[in-house]
Structures are given as structure tokens and as C-alpha cells.
Amino acid sequence: MSKAETLQKIKEAEAQTRAAKEAAEREREVALRNARREALELLDTFRARAEKRYAEVLAAAEAEVAIERDRMLAAAREEAGRIVARGRANVDEAVELVLSKFRGAVRA
């Protein structure tokens, strides 16, 4: 094989290597773009799931708070009713006490 043929074969091999390298680089870029796109899609999917779960947890917590609030209000209303009843029961005693103190003050 002559020197020219050898050089030609080297150039062809270099060209094939360069072409293979460029093809590999293109494939790499495509793979990176696909991976980034898939990562963004996954991120969107998980963000949507997280937001949905957040809404579910929040709704459940709000329901529990409403139940507890209603329970506390009912207990407070009962207690207020008992206090009012005791107050009404003691009105006569309170009037008598005030009158006796007033009479005592007038007589003094």
C-alpha cells in the first residue's frame, strides 16, 4: 500500500470518527432534551399531586376544626344556660340582699 493510499485511509477513518462523534453528540443532545422534558413533566405531575394532597389535608383539617368549634360552642351555650338559670334563681336573694344593705345604710 502506498503512502497516498495510507493517508487516504487515515483521512477516511478520521472522517468516520468525526461523523460518529458528531452523531453521538447529536444523540447526547436529544437524550438530554428528552431527559429534561421528562423531568419537567414529572415535576409537574408531582406538583399537581402535592397540591391535590394539600387540598385534601386542608379540607380534612377544616372539617375537624368545624366539628370541634361546634362542639365547643354547644358546650359554651350549655354553660351559659346554666349560669343564666342560676342567676335567675338567685334574683330574689340578690334583691333581698341589696334591700337589706340599703335599709341598713338608711338606718345607720
C-alpha atoms as a PDB file:
ATOM      1  CA  MET A   1       0.000   0.000   0.000  1.00  0.00           C
ATOM      2  CA  SER A   2       1.354   3.374  -0.993  1.00  0.00           C
ATOM      3  CA  LYS A   3       1.783   6.382   1.161  1.00  0.00           C
ATOM      4  CA  ALA A   4      -1.102   8.148  -0.626  1.00  0.00           C
ATOM      5  CA  GLU A   5      -3.410   5.207  -0.048  1.00  0.00           C
ATOM      6  CA  THR A   6      -2.429   5.095   3.626  1.00  0.00           C
ATOM      7  CA  LEU A   7      -3.065   8.810   4.011  1.00  0.00           C
ATOM      8  CA  GLN A   8      -6.404   8.424   2.243  1.00  0.00           C
ATOM      9  CA  LYS A   9      -7.406   5.585   4.582  1.00  0.00           C
ATOM     10  CA  ILE A  10      -6.348   7.660   7.607  1.00  0.00           C
ATOM     11  CA  LYS A  11      -8.425  10.598   6.344  1.00  0.00           C
ATOM     12  CA  GLU A  12     -11.407   8.318   5.758  1.00  0.00           C
ATOM     13  CA  ALA A  13     -11.022   6.834   9.237  1.00  0.00           C
ATOM     14  CA  GLU A  14     -10.763  10.333  10.716  1.00  0.00           C
ATOM     15  CA  ALA A  15     -13.862  11.407   8.786  1.00  0.00           C
ATOM     16  CA  GLN A  16     -15.764   8.341  10.021  1.00  0.00           C
ATOM     17  CA  THR A  17     -14.594   9.034  13.547  1.00  0.00           C
ATOM     18  CA  ARG A  18     -15.631  12.679  13.258  1.00  0.00           C
ATOM     19  CA  ALA A  19     -19.029  11.669  11.824  1.00  0.00           C
ATOM     20  CA  ALA A  20     -19.531   9.103  14.586  1.00  0.00           C
ATOM     21  CA  LYS A  21     -18.530  11.693  17.173  1.00  0.00           C
ATOM     22  CA  GLU A  22     -20.979  14.244  15.743  1.00  0.00           C
ATOM     23  CA  ALA A  23     -23.754  11.639  15.639  1.00  0.00           C
ATOM     24  CA  ALA A  24     -23.006  10.692  19.229  1.00  0.00           C
ATOM     25  CA  GLU A  25     -23.107  14.374  20.214  1.00  0.00           C
ATOM     26  CA  ARG A  26     -26.470  14.807  18.491  1.00  0.00           C
ATOM     27  CA  GLU A  27     -27.808  11.711  20.233  1.00  0.00           C
ATOM     28  CA  ARG A  28     -26.493  13.066  23.520  1.00  0.00           C
ATOM     29  CA  GLU A  29     -28.270  16.396  22.966  1.00  0.00           C
ATOM     30  CA  VAL A  30     -31.510  14.628  22.049  1.00  0.00           C
ATOM     31  CA  ALA A  31     -31.218  12.395  25.123  1.00  0.00           C
ATOM     32  CA  LEU A  32     -30.558  15.438  27.330  1.00  0.00           C
ATOM     33  CA  ARG A  33     -33.536  17.310  25.880  1.00  0.00           C
ATOM     34  CA  ASN A  34     -35.751  14.272  26.396  1.00  0.00           C
ATOM     35  CA  ALA A  35     -34.485  13.803  29.952  1.00  0.00           C
ATOM     36  CA  ARG A  36     -35.112  17.479  30.766  1.00  0.00           C
ATOM     37  CA  ARG A  37     -38.596  17.310  29.253  1.00  0.00           C
ATOM     38  CA  GLU A  38     -39.396  14.134  31.187  1.00  0.00           C
ATOM     39  CA  ALA A  39     -38.018  15.689  34.387  1.00  0.00           C
ATOM     40  CA  LEU A  40     -40.248  18.746  33.896  1.00  0.00           C
ATOM     41  CA  GLU A  41     -43.249  16.532  33.220  1.00  0.00           C
ATOM     42  CA  LEU A  42     -42.512  14.521  36.369  1.00  0.00           C
ATOM     43  CA  LEU A  43     -42.097  17.719  38.336  1.00  0.00           C
ATOM     44  CA  ASP A  44     -45.445  18.984  37.069  1.00  0.00           C
ATOM     45  CA  THR A  45     -47.083  15.650  37.860  1.00  0.00           C
ATOM     46  CA  PHE A  46     -45.702  15.543  41.398  1.00  0.00           C
ATOM     47  CA  ARG A  47     -46.500  19.212  41.970  1.00  0.00           C
ATOM     48  CA  ALA A  48     -50.115  18.548  40.935  1.00  0.00           C
ATOM     49  CA  ARG A  49     -50.262  15.511  43.231  1.00  0.00           C
ATOM     50  CA  ALA A  50     -48.801  17.521  46.101  1.00  0.00           C
ATOM     51  CA  GLU A  51     -51.290  20.347  45.574  1.00  0.00           C
ATOM     52  CA  LYS A  52     -54.162  17.853  45.463  1.00  0.00           C
ATOM     53  CA  ARG A  53     -52.949  16.166  48.652  1.00  0.00           C
ATOM     54  CA  TYR A  54     -52.518  19.572  50.311  1.00  0.00           C
ATOM     55  CA  ALA A  55     -56.106  20.462  49.411  1.00  0.00           C
ATOM     56  CA  GLU A  56     -57.340  17.129  50.813  1.00  0.00           C
ATOM     57  CA  VAL A  57     -55.422  17.550  54.067  1.00  0.00           C
ATOM     58  CA  LEU A  58     -56.578  21.155  54.386  1.00  0.00           C
ATOM     59  CA  ALA A  59     -60.209  20.196  53.773  1.00  0.00           C
ATOM     60  CA  ALA A  60     -59.987  17.417  56.364  1.00  0.00           C
ATOM     61  CA  ALA A  61     -58.406  19.781  58.892  1.00  0.00           C
ATOM     62  CA  GLU A  62     -61.048  22.426  58.234  1.00  0.00           C
ATOM     63  CA  ALA A  63     -63.781  19.824  58.751  1.00  0.00           C
ATOM     64  CA  GLU A  64     -62.212  18.733  62.037  1.00  0.00           C
ATOM     65  CA  VAL A  65     -61.883  22.342  63.159  1.00  0.00           C
ATOM     66  CA  ALA A  66     -65.543  22.986  62.296  1.00  0.00           C
ATOM     67  CA  ILE A  67     -66.637  19.936  64.291  1.00  0.00           C
ATOM     68  CA  GLU A  68     -64.507  20.957  67.268  1.00  0.00           C
ATOM     69  CA  ARG A  69     -65.756  24.568  67.035  1.00  0.00           C
ATOM     70  CA  ASP A  70     -69.372  23.380  67.005  1.00  0.00           C
ATOM     71  CA  ARG A  71     -68.705  21.116  69.973  1.00  0.00           C
ATOM     72  CA  MET A  72     -67.081  23.952  71.916  1.00  0.00           C
ATOM     73  CA  LEU A  73     -69.906  26.344  71.046  1.00  0.00           C
ATOM     74  CA  ALA A  74     -72.502  23.819  72.199  1.00  0.00           C
ATOM     75  CA  ALA A  75     -70.642  23.333  75.487  1.00  0.00           C
ATOM     76  CA  ALA A  76     -70.352  27.101  75.969  1.00  0.00           C
ATOM     77  CA  ARG A  77     -74.061  27.571  75.245  1.00  0.00           C
ATOM     78  CA  GLU A  78     -74.904  24.888  77.815  1.00  0.00           C
ATOM     79  CA  GLU A  79     -72.693  26.559  80.394  1.00  0.00           C
ATOM     80  CA  ALA A  80     -74.222  29.959  79.615  1.00  0.00           C
ATOM     81  CA  GLY A  81     -77.677  28.462  80.030  1.00  0.00           C
ATOM     82  CA  ARG A  82     -76.698  27.034  83.422  1.00  0.00           C
ATOM     83  CA  ILE A  83     -75.283  30.384  84.520  1.00  0.00           C
ATOM     84  CA  VAL A  84     -78.422  32.215  83.393  1.00  0.00           C
ATOM     85  CA  ALA A  85     -80.585  29.702  85.246  1.00  0.00           C
ATOM     86  CA  ARG A  86     -78.528  30.106  88.426  1.00  0.00           C
ATOM     87  CA  GLY A  87     -78.712  33.880  88.040  1.00  0.00           C
ATOM     88  CA  ARG A  88     -82.487  33.800  87.666  1.00  0.00           C
ATOM     89  CA  ALA A  89     -82.761  31.519  90.656  1.00  0.00           C
ATOM     90  CA  ASN A  90     -80.717  33.932  92.755  1.00  0.00           C
ATOM     91  CA  VAL A  91     -82.502  37.137  91.691  1.00  0.00           C
ATOM     92  CA  ASP A  92     -84.805  37.116  94.691  1.00  0.00           C
ATOM     93  CA  GLU A  93     -81.886  36.539  97.043  1.00  0.00           C
ATOM     94  CA  ALA A  94     -79.899  39.305  95.364  1.00  0.00           C
ATOM     95  CA  VAL A  95     -82.802  41.747  95.633  1.00  0.00           C
ATOM     96  CA  GLU A  96     -83.230  40.933  99.295  1.00  0.00           C
ATOM     97  CA  LEU A  97     -79.504  41.349  99.916  1.00  0.00           C
ATOM     98  CA  VAL A  98     -79.418  44.729  98.166  1.00  0.00           C
ATOM     99  CA  LEU A  99     -82.528  45.900 100.009  1.00  0.00           C
ATOM    100  CA  SER A 100     -81.191  44.796 103.376  1.00  0.00           C
ATOM    101  CA  LYS A 101     -77.915  46.597 102.767  1.00  0.00           C
ATOM    102  CA  PHE A 102     -79.815  49.663 101.598  1.00  0.00           C
ATOM    103  CA  ARG A 103     -82.048  49.551 104.693  1.00  0.00           C
ATOM    104  CA  GLY A 104     -79.008  49.084 106.853  1.00  0.00           C
ATOM    105  CA  ALA A 105     -77.369  52.073 105.218  1.00  0.00           C
ATOM    106  CA  VAL A 106     -80.513  54.196 105.636  1.00  0.00           C
ATOM    107  CA  ARG A 107     -80.870  53.267 109.297  1.00  0.00           C
ATOM    108  CA  ALA A 108     -77.267  53.928 110.061  1.00  0.00           C
END
